[in-house]
PDB file of all heavy atoms in Angstrom:
ATOM      1  N   MET A   1      -3.378 -10.285  33.500  1.00  0.00           N
ATOM      2  CA  MET A   1      -3.888  -9.808  34.805  1.00  0.00           C
ATOM      3  C   MET A   1      -3.456 -10.735  35.913  1.00  0.00           C
ATOM      4  O   MET A   1      -3.021 -11.843  35.671  1.00  0.00           O
ATOM      5  CB  MET A   1      -5.411  -9.704  34.767  1.00  0.00           C
ATOM      6  CG  MET A   1      -5.966  -8.832  33.640  1.00  0.00           C
ATOM      7  SD  MET A   1      -5.558  -7.095  33.810  1.00  0.00           S
ATOM      8  CE  MET A   1      -6.449  -6.660  35.269  1.00  0.00           C
ATOM      9  N   ALA A   2      -3.661 -10.255  37.160  1.00  0.00           N
ATOM     10  CA  ALA A   2      -3.354 -11.077  38.323  1.00  0.00           C
ATOM     11  C   ALA A   2      -4.263 -10.732  39.472  1.00  0.00           C
ATOM     12  O   ALA A   2      -4.781  -9.603  39.543  1.00  0.00           O
ATOM     13  CB  ALA A   2      -1.866 -10.851  38.754  1.00  0.00           C
ATOM     14  N   ARG A   3      -4.441 -11.671  40.328  1.00  0.00           N
ATOM     15  CA  ARG A   3      -5.063 -11.422  41.641  1.00  0.00           C
ATOM     16  C   ARG A   3      -3.848 -11.277  42.603  1.00  0.00           C
ATOM     17  O   ARG A   3      -3.015 -12.199  42.650  1.00  0.00           O
ATOM     18  CB  ARG A   3      -5.970 -12.564  42.053  1.00  0.00           C
ATOM     19  CG  ARG A   3      -6.864 -12.175  43.258  1.00  0.00           C
ATOM     20  CD  ARG A   3      -7.909 -13.231  43.458  1.00  0.00           C
ATOM     21  NE  ARG A   3      -7.217 -14.439  43.963  1.00  0.00           N
ATOM     22  CZ  ARG A   3      -7.626 -15.177  44.979  1.00  0.00           C
ATOM     23  NH1 ARG A   3      -8.730 -14.892  45.554  1.00  0.00           N
ATOM     24  NH2 ARG A   3      -6.932 -16.191  45.375  1.00  0.00           N
ATOM     25  N   VAL A   4      -3.806 -10.151  43.306  1.00  0.00           N
ATOM     26  CA  VAL A   4      -2.643  -9.829  44.124  1.00  0.00           C
ATOM     27  C   VAL A   4      -3.077  -9.652  45.575  1.00  0.00           C
ATOM     28  O   VAL A   4      -4.103  -9.005  45.841  1.00  0.00           O
ATOM     29  CB  VAL A   4      -1.938  -8.538  43.593  1.00  0.00           C
ATOM     30  CG1 VAL A   4      -0.739  -8.196  44.465  1.00  0.00           C
ATOM     31  CG2 VAL A   4      -1.561  -8.690  42.140  1.00  0.00           C
ATOM     32  N   ASP A   5      -2.308 -10.192  46.503  1.00  0.00           N
ATOM     33  CA  ASP A   5      -2.574 -10.093  47.923  1.00  0.00           C
ATOM     34  C   ASP A   5      -1.669  -9.042  48.521  1.00  0.00           C
ATOM     35  O   ASP A   5      -0.442  -9.112  48.473  1.00  0.00           O
ATOM     36  CB  ASP A   5      -2.324 -11.420  48.632  1.00  0.00           C
ATOM     37  CG  ASP A   5      -2.544 -11.314  50.125  1.00  0.00           C
ATOM     38  OD1 ASP A   5      -3.633 -10.903  50.524  1.00  0.00           O
ATOM     39  OD2 ASP A   5      -1.586 -11.647  50.863  1.00  0.00           O
ATOM     40  N   PHE A   6      -2.275  -7.986  49.106  1.00  0.00           N
ATOM     41  CA  PHE A   6      -1.537  -6.886  49.745  1.00  0.00           C
ATOM     42  C   PHE A   6      -1.639  -7.056  51.271  1.00  0.00           C
ATOM     43  O   PHE A   6      -2.309  -6.288  51.940  1.00  0.00           O
ATOM     44  CB  PHE A   6      -2.166  -5.540  49.334  1.00  0.00           C
ATOM     45  CG  PHE A   6      -2.130  -5.272  47.865  1.00  0.00           C
ATOM     46  CD1 PHE A   6      -3.217  -5.565  47.063  1.00  0.00           C
ATOM     47  CD2 PHE A   6      -0.997  -4.762  47.305  1.00  0.00           C
ATOM     48  CE1 PHE A   6      -3.171  -5.312  45.716  1.00  0.00           C
ATOM     49  CE2 PHE A   6      -0.937  -4.514  45.947  1.00  0.00           C
ATOM     50  CZ  PHE A   6      -2.006  -4.821  45.131  1.00  0.00           C
ATOM     51  N   GLY A   7      -1.028  -8.079  51.788  1.00  0.00           N
ATOM     52  CA  GLY A   7      -1.037  -8.297  53.233  1.00  0.00           C
ATOM     53  C   GLY A   7      -2.398  -8.532  53.786  1.00  0.00           C
ATOM     54  O   GLY A   7      -2.715  -8.116  54.921  1.00  0.00           O
ATOM     55  N   GLY A   8      -3.281  -9.194  53.047  1.00  0.00           N
ATOM     56  CA  GLY A   8      -4.637  -9.517  53.532  1.00  0.00           C
ATOM     57  C   GLY A   8      -5.747  -8.928  52.725  1.00  0.00           C
ATOM     58  O   GLY A   8      -6.863  -9.324  52.768  1.00  0.00           O
ATOM     59  N   ILE A   9      -5.425  -7.899  51.886  1.00  0.00           N
ATOM     60  CA  ILE A   9      -6.407  -7.301  50.977  1.00  0.00           C
ATOM     61  C   ILE A   9      -6.070  -7.821  49.606  1.00  0.00           C
ATOM     62  O   ILE A   9      -4.906  -7.767  49.167  1.00  0.00           O
ATOM     63  CB  ILE A   9      -6.343  -5.796  51.027  1.00  0.00           C
ATOM     64  CG1 ILE A   9      -6.725  -5.278  52.406  1.00  0.00           C
ATOM     65  CG2 ILE A   9      -7.250  -5.181  49.981  1.00  0.00           C
ATOM     66  CD1 ILE A   9      -6.500  -3.771  52.591  1.00  0.00           C
ATOM     67  N   ARG A  10      -7.055  -8.306  48.882  1.00  0.00           N
ATOM     68  CA  ARG A  10      -6.804  -8.835  47.544  1.00  0.00           C
ATOM     69  C   ARG A  10      -7.479  -7.996  46.489  1.00  0.00           C
ATOM     70  O   ARG A  10      -8.631  -7.617  46.635  1.00  0.00           O
ATOM     71  CB  ARG A  10      -7.281 -10.257  47.476  1.00  0.00           C
ATOM     72  CG  ARG A  10      -6.450 -11.129  48.410  1.00  0.00           C
ATOM     73  CD  ARG A  10      -6.849 -12.542  48.426  1.00  0.00           C
ATOM     74  NE  ARG A  10      -5.907 -13.272  49.279  1.00  0.00           N
ATOM     75  CZ  ARG A  10      -6.024 -14.513  49.602  1.00  0.00           C
ATOM     76  NH1 ARG A  10      -7.045 -15.205  49.150  1.00  0.00           N
ATOM     77  NH2 ARG A  10      -5.124 -15.091  50.361  1.00  0.00           N
ATOM     78  N   ARG A  11      -6.687  -7.673  45.473  1.00  0.00           N
ATOM     79  CA  ARG A  11      -7.209  -6.832  44.363  1.00  0.00           C
ATOM     80  C   ARG A  11      -6.675  -7.396  43.034  1.00  0.00           C
ATOM     81  O   ARG A  11      -5.692  -8.122  42.989  1.00  0.00           O
ATOM     82  CB  ARG A  11      -6.681  -5.420  44.523  1.00  0.00           C
ATOM     83  CG  ARG A  11      -7.199  -4.649  45.738  1.00  0.00           C
ATOM     84  CD  ARG A  11      -8.630  -4.224  45.523  1.00  0.00           C
ATOM     85  NE  ARG A  11      -9.088  -3.388  46.621  1.00  0.00           N
ATOM     86  CZ  ARG A  11      -9.737  -3.802  47.702  1.00  0.00           C
ATOM     87  NH1 ARG A  11     -10.001  -5.051  47.835  1.00  0.00           N
ATOM     88  NH2 ARG A  11     -10.133  -2.962  48.632  1.00  0.00           N
ATOM     89  N   GLU A  12      -7.344  -6.944  41.961  1.00  0.00           N
ATOM     90  CA  GLU A  12      -6.891  -7.252  40.609  1.00  0.00           C
ATOM     91  C   GLU A  12      -5.875  -6.242  40.186  1.00  0.00           C
ATOM     92  O   GLU A  12      -5.954  -5.065  40.511  1.00  0.00           O
ATOM     93  CB  GLU A  12      -8.132  -7.221  39.726  1.00  0.00           C
ATOM     94  CG  GLU A  12      -7.859  -7.556  38.286  1.00  0.00           C
ATOM     95  CD  GLU A  12      -9.131  -7.525  37.503  1.00  0.00           C
ATOM     96  OE1 GLU A  12      -9.652  -6.375  37.223  1.00  0.00           O
ATOM     97  OE2 GLU A  12      -9.603  -8.587  37.120  1.00  0.00           O
ATOM     98  N   ALA A  13      -4.866  -6.709  39.398  1.00  0.00           N
ATOM     99  CA  ALA A  13      -3.855  -5.778  38.892  1.00  0.00           C
ATOM    100  C   ALA A  13      -3.473  -6.252  37.477  1.00  0.00           C
ATOM    101  O   ALA A  13      -3.448  -7.432  37.184  1.00  0.00           O
ATOM    102  CB  ALA A  13      -2.623  -5.757  39.769  1.00  0.00           C
ATOM    103  N   CYS A  14      -3.112  -5.282  36.663  1.00  0.00           N
ATOM    104  CA  CYS A  14      -2.638  -5.589  35.304  1.00  0.00           C
ATOM    105  C   CYS A  14      -1.115  -5.849  35.363  1.00  0.00           C
ATOM    106  O   CYS A  14      -0.355  -5.134  35.966  1.00  0.00           O
ATOM    107  CB  CYS A  14      -2.911  -4.411  34.402  1.00  0.00           C
ATOM    108  SG  CYS A  14      -2.383  -4.659  32.698  1.00  0.00           S
ATOM    109  N   LEU A  15      -0.673  -6.924  34.684  1.00  0.00           N
ATOM    110  CA  LEU A  15       0.712  -7.313  34.666  1.00  0.00           C
ATOM    111  C   LEU A  15       1.412  -6.965  33.365  1.00  0.00           C
ATOM    112  O   LEU A  15       2.552  -7.390  33.115  1.00  0.00           O
ATOM    113  CB  LEU A  15       0.890  -8.826  34.907  1.00  0.00           C
ATOM    114  CG  LEU A  15       0.430  -9.342  36.258  1.00  0.00           C
ATOM    115  CD1 LEU A  15       0.634 -10.860  36.338  1.00  0.00           C
ATOM    116  CD2 LEU A  15       1.161  -8.667  37.380  1.00  0.00           C
ATOM    117  N   GLU A  16       0.799  -6.185  32.524  1.00  0.00           N
ATOM    118  CA  GLU A  16       1.363  -5.841  31.208  1.00  0.00           C
ATOM    119  C   GLU A  16       2.756  -5.194  31.329  1.00  0.00           C
ATOM    120  O   GLU A  16       3.576  -5.369  30.443  1.00  0.00           O
ATOM    121  CB  GLU A  16       0.411  -4.980  30.398  1.00  0.00           C
ATOM    122  CG  GLU A  16      -0.766  -5.748  29.868  1.00  0.00           C
ATOM    123  CD  GLU A  16      -0.424  -6.831  28.867  1.00  0.00           C
ATOM    124  OE1 GLU A  16       0.362  -6.565  27.900  1.00  0.00           O
ATOM    125  OE2 GLU A  16      -0.920  -7.948  29.020  1.00  0.00           O
ATOM    126  N   TYR A  17       3.030  -4.402  32.366  1.00  0.00           N
ATOM    127  CA  TYR A  17       4.293  -3.735  32.535  1.00  0.00           C
ATOM    128  C   TYR A  17       5.328  -4.592  33.225  1.00  0.00           C
ATOM    129  O   TYR A  17       6.489  -4.206  33.344  1.00  0.00           O
ATOM    130  CB  TYR A  17       4.149  -2.434  33.314  1.00  0.00           C
ATOM    131  CG  TYR A  17       3.262  -1.391  32.631  1.00  0.00           C
ATOM    132  CD1 TYR A  17       2.335  -0.672  33.369  1.00  0.00           C
ATOM    133  CD2 TYR A  17       3.333  -1.150  31.253  1.00  0.00           C
ATOM    134  CE1 TYR A  17       1.539   0.279  32.751  1.00  0.00           C
ATOM    135  CE2 TYR A  17       2.532  -0.187  30.656  1.00  0.00           C
ATOM    136  CZ  TYR A  17       1.637   0.506  31.396  1.00  0.00           C
ATOM    137  OH  TYR A  17       0.841   1.427  30.804  1.00  0.00           O
ATOM    138  N   THR A  18       4.897  -5.769  33.744  1.00  0.00           N
ATOM    139  CA  THR A  18       5.823  -6.671  34.411  1.00  0.00           C
ATOM    140  C   THR A  18       5.628  -8.047  33.830  1.00  0.00           C
ATOM    141  O   THR A  18       5.125  -8.965  34.521  1.00  0.00           O
ATOM    142  CB  THR A  18       5.577  -6.648  35.948  1.00  0.00           C
ATOM    143  OG1 THR A  18       4.156  -6.935  36.158  1.00  0.00           O
ATOM    144  CG2 THR A  18       5.969  -5.338  36.604  1.00  0.00           C
ATOM    145  N   PRO A  19       5.990  -8.285  32.577  1.00  0.00           N
ATOM    146  CA  PRO A  19       5.758  -9.583  31.981  1.00  0.00           C
ATOM    147  C   PRO A  19       6.499 -10.756  32.652  1.00  0.00           C
ATOM    148  O   PRO A  19       6.096 -11.904  32.519  1.00  0.00           O
ATOM    149  CB  PRO A  19       6.275  -9.405  30.520  1.00  0.00           C
ATOM    150  CG  PRO A  19       7.209  -8.247  30.600  1.00  0.00           C
ATOM    151  CD  PRO A  19       6.710  -7.350  31.725  1.00  0.00           C
ATOM    152  N   GLU A  20       7.543 -10.456  33.407  1.00  0.00           N
ATOM    153  CA  GLU A  20       8.280 -11.488  34.102  1.00  0.00           C
ATOM    154  C   GLU A  20       7.602 -11.951  35.397  1.00  0.00           C
ATOM    155  O   GLU A  20       7.939 -12.992  35.974  1.00  0.00           O
ATOM    156  CB  GLU A  20       9.688 -10.982  34.468  1.00  0.00           C
ATOM    157  CG  GLU A  20       9.780  -9.932  35.561  1.00  0.00           C
ATOM    158  CD  GLU A  20       9.399  -8.526  35.179  1.00  0.00           C
ATOM    159  OE1 GLU A  20       8.912  -8.262  34.094  1.00  0.00           O
ATOM    160  OE2 GLU A  20       9.576  -7.630  36.035  1.00  0.00           O
ATOM    161  N   ALA A  21       6.593 -11.236  35.895  1.00  0.00           N
ATOM    162  CA  ALA A  21       5.922 -11.600  37.155  1.00  0.00           C
ATOM    163  C   ALA A  21       5.156 -12.900  37.024  1.00  0.00           C
ATOM    164  O   ALA A  21       4.467 -13.130  36.029  1.00  0.00           O
ATOM    165  CB  ALA A  21       4.998 -10.447  37.573  1.00  0.00           C
ATOM    166  N   ALA A  22       5.330 -13.755  38.033  1.00  0.00           N
ATOM    167  CA  ALA A  22       4.663 -15.036  38.050  1.00  0.00           C
ATOM    168  C   ALA A  22       4.002 -15.259  39.406  1.00  0.00           C
ATOM    169  O   ALA A  22       4.263 -14.520  40.368  1.00  0.00           O
ATOM    170  CB  ALA A  22       5.678 -16.145  37.767  1.00  0.00           C
ATOM    171  N   VAL A  23       3.200 -16.287  39.517  1.00  0.00           N
ATOM    172  CA  VAL A  23       2.551 -16.634  40.769  1.00  0.00           C
ATOM    173  C   VAL A  23       3.648 -16.810  41.833  1.00  0.00           C
ATOM    174  O   VAL A  23       4.664 -17.467  41.616  1.00  0.00           O
ATOM    175  CB  VAL A  23       1.720 -17.938  40.651  1.00  0.00           C
ATOM    176  CG1 VAL A  23       1.229 -18.395  41.992  1.00  0.00           C
ATOM    177  CG2 VAL A  23       0.547 -17.691  39.693  1.00  0.00           C
ATOM    178  N   GLY A  24       3.448 -16.159  42.988  1.00  0.00           N
ATOM    179  CA  GLY A  24       4.385 -16.210  44.090  1.00  0.00           C
ATOM    180  C   GLY A  24       5.352 -15.029  44.140  1.00  0.00           C
ATOM    181  O   GLY A  24       5.967 -14.776  45.165  1.00  0.00           O
ATOM    182  N   ASP A  25       5.478 -14.311  43.003  1.00  0.00           N
ATOM    183  CA  ASP A  25       6.360 -13.148  42.975  1.00  0.00           C
ATOM    184  C   ASP A  25       5.690 -11.984  43.639  1.00  0.00           C
ATOM    185  O   ASP A  25       4.460 -11.970  43.804  1.00  0.00           O
ATOM    186  CB  ASP A  25       6.665 -12.765  41.548  1.00  0.00           C
ATOM    187  CG  ASP A  25       7.633 -13.662  40.839  1.00  0.00           C
ATOM    188  OD1 ASP A  25       8.275 -14.465  41.471  1.00  0.00           O
ATOM    189  OD2 ASP A  25       7.713 -13.597  39.595  1.00  0.00           O
ATOM    190  N   HIS A  26       6.491 -11.008  44.053  1.00  0.00           N
ATOM    191  CA  HIS A  26       5.965  -9.791  44.649  1.00  0.00           C
ATOM    192  C   HIS A  26       6.116  -8.669  43.634  1.00  0.00           C
ATOM    193  O   HIS A  26       7.172  -8.529  43.006  1.00  0.00           O
ATOM    194  CB  HIS A  26       6.715  -9.471  45.937  1.00  0.00           C
ATOM    195  CG  HIS A  26       6.396 -10.396  47.059  1.00  0.00           C
ATOM    196  ND1 HIS A  26       6.912 -11.659  47.143  1.00  0.00           N
ATOM    197  CD2 HIS A  26       5.568 -10.251  48.092  1.00  0.00           C
ATOM    198  CE1 HIS A  26       6.418 -12.238  48.215  1.00  0.00           C
ATOM    199  NE2 HIS A  26       5.573 -11.407  48.804  1.00  0.00           N
ATOM    200  N   VAL A  27       5.090  -7.890  43.482  1.00  0.00           N
ATOM    201  CA  VAL A  27       5.063  -6.752  42.560  1.00  0.00           C
ATOM    202  C   VAL A  27       4.635  -5.503  43.291  1.00  0.00           C
ATOM    203  O   VAL A  27       3.929  -5.556  44.297  1.00  0.00           O
ATOM    204  CB  VAL A  27       4.097  -7.015  41.377  1.00  0.00           C
ATOM    205  CG1 VAL A  27       4.617  -8.133  40.492  1.00  0.00           C
ATOM    206  CG2 VAL A  27       2.705  -7.300  41.821  1.00  0.00           C
ATOM    207  N   VAL A  28       5.062  -4.375  42.797  1.00  0.00           N
ATOM    208  CA  VAL A  28       4.598  -3.091  43.312  1.00  0.00           C
ATOM    209  C   VAL A  28       3.485  -2.611  42.394  1.00  0.00           C
ATOM    210  O   VAL A  28       3.694  -2.500  41.169  1.00  0.00           O
ATOM    211  CB  VAL A  28       5.729  -2.039  43.370  1.00  0.00           C
ATOM    212  CG1 VAL A  28       5.203  -0.674  43.771  1.00  0.00           C
ATOM    213  CG2 VAL A  28       6.822  -2.485  44.326  1.00  0.00           C
ATOM    214  N   VAL A  29       2.300  -2.360  42.950  1.00  0.00           N
ATOM    215  CA  VAL A  29       1.156  -1.970  42.159  1.00  0.00           C
ATOM    216  C   VAL A  29       0.802  -0.519  42.422  1.00  0.00           C
ATOM    217  O   VAL A  29       0.748  -0.074  43.548  1.00  0.00           O
ATOM    218  CB  VAL A  29      -0.082  -2.880  42.543  1.00  0.00           C
ATOM    219  CG1 VAL A  29      -1.328  -2.443  41.744  1.00  0.00           C
ATOM    220  CG2 VAL A  29       0.271  -4.329  42.211  1.00  0.00           C
ATOM    221  N   HIS A  30       0.626   0.225  41.321  1.00  0.00           N
ATOM    222  CA  HIS A  30       0.264   1.649  41.356  1.00  0.00           C
ATOM    223  C   HIS A  30      -0.934   1.803  40.429  1.00  0.00           C
ATOM    224  O   HIS A  30      -0.878   1.440  39.262  1.00  0.00           O
ATOM    225  CB  HIS A  30       1.455   2.467  40.929  1.00  0.00           C
ATOM    226  CG  HIS A  30       1.109   3.939  40.807  1.00  0.00           C
ATOM    227  ND1 HIS A  30       0.839   4.736  41.909  1.00  0.00           N
ATOM    228  CD2 HIS A  30       1.025   4.757  39.721  1.00  0.00           C
ATOM    229  CE1 HIS A  30       0.589   5.963  41.487  1.00  0.00           C
ATOM    230  NE2 HIS A  30       0.690   6.003  40.188  1.00  0.00           N
ATOM    231  N   VAL A  31      -2.021   2.339  40.973  1.00  0.00           N
ATOM    232  CA  VAL A  31      -3.275   2.546  40.260  1.00  0.00           C
ATOM    233  C   VAL A  31      -3.673   1.356  39.386  1.00  0.00           C
ATOM    234  O   VAL A  31      -4.123   1.515  38.230  1.00  0.00           O
ATOM    235  CB  VAL A  31      -3.307   3.861  39.467  1.00  0.00           C
ATOM    236  CG1 VAL A  31      -3.276   5.052  40.396  1.00  0.00           C
ATOM    237  CG2 VAL A  31      -2.255   3.970  38.426  1.00  0.00           C
ATOM    238  N   GLY A  32      -3.556   0.145  39.932  1.00  0.00           N
ATOM    239  CA  GLY A  32      -4.033  -1.030  39.267  1.00  0.00           C
ATOM    240  C   GLY A  32      -3.049  -1.707  38.306  1.00  0.00           C
ATOM    241  O   GLY A  32      -3.351  -2.716  37.736  1.00  0.00           O
ATOM    242  N   PHE A  33      -1.829  -1.135  38.192  1.00  0.00           N
ATOM    243  CA  PHE A  33      -0.843  -1.695  37.317  1.00  0.00           C
ATOM    244  C   PHE A  33       0.377  -2.129  38.128  1.00  0.00           C
ATOM    245  O   PHE A  33       0.936  -1.304  38.889  1.00  0.00           O
ATOM    246  CB  PHE A  33      -0.370  -0.680  36.262  1.00  0.00           C
ATOM    247  CG  PHE A  33      -1.411  -0.382  35.237  1.00  0.00           C
ATOM    248  CD1 PHE A  33      -2.393   0.550  35.467  1.00  0.00           C
ATOM    249  CD2 PHE A  33      -1.432  -1.120  34.035  1.00  0.00           C
ATOM    250  CE1 PHE A  33      -3.357   0.852  34.532  1.00  0.00           C
ATOM    251  CE2 PHE A  33      -2.418  -0.872  33.088  1.00  0.00           C
ATOM    252  CZ  PHE A  33      -3.376   0.123  33.315  1.00  0.00           C
ATOM    253  N   ALA A  34       0.870  -3.361  37.938  1.00  0.00           N
ATOM    254  CA  ALA A  34       2.117  -3.749  38.506  1.00  0.00           C
ATOM    255  C   ALA A  34       3.234  -3.067  37.751  1.00  0.00           C
ATOM    256  O   ALA A  34       3.312  -3.183  36.527  1.00  0.00           O
ATOM    257  CB  ALA A  34       2.282  -5.280  38.454  1.00  0.00           C
TER     258      ALA A  34
END
């Protein structure tokens, strides 16, 4: 999982579909999944 910042709004997202994502990376989140 990750805490993700959407330009000032922060939400939790699952990173299971983006195993390469790391802190500082940008991900596209759809219905709670990166």
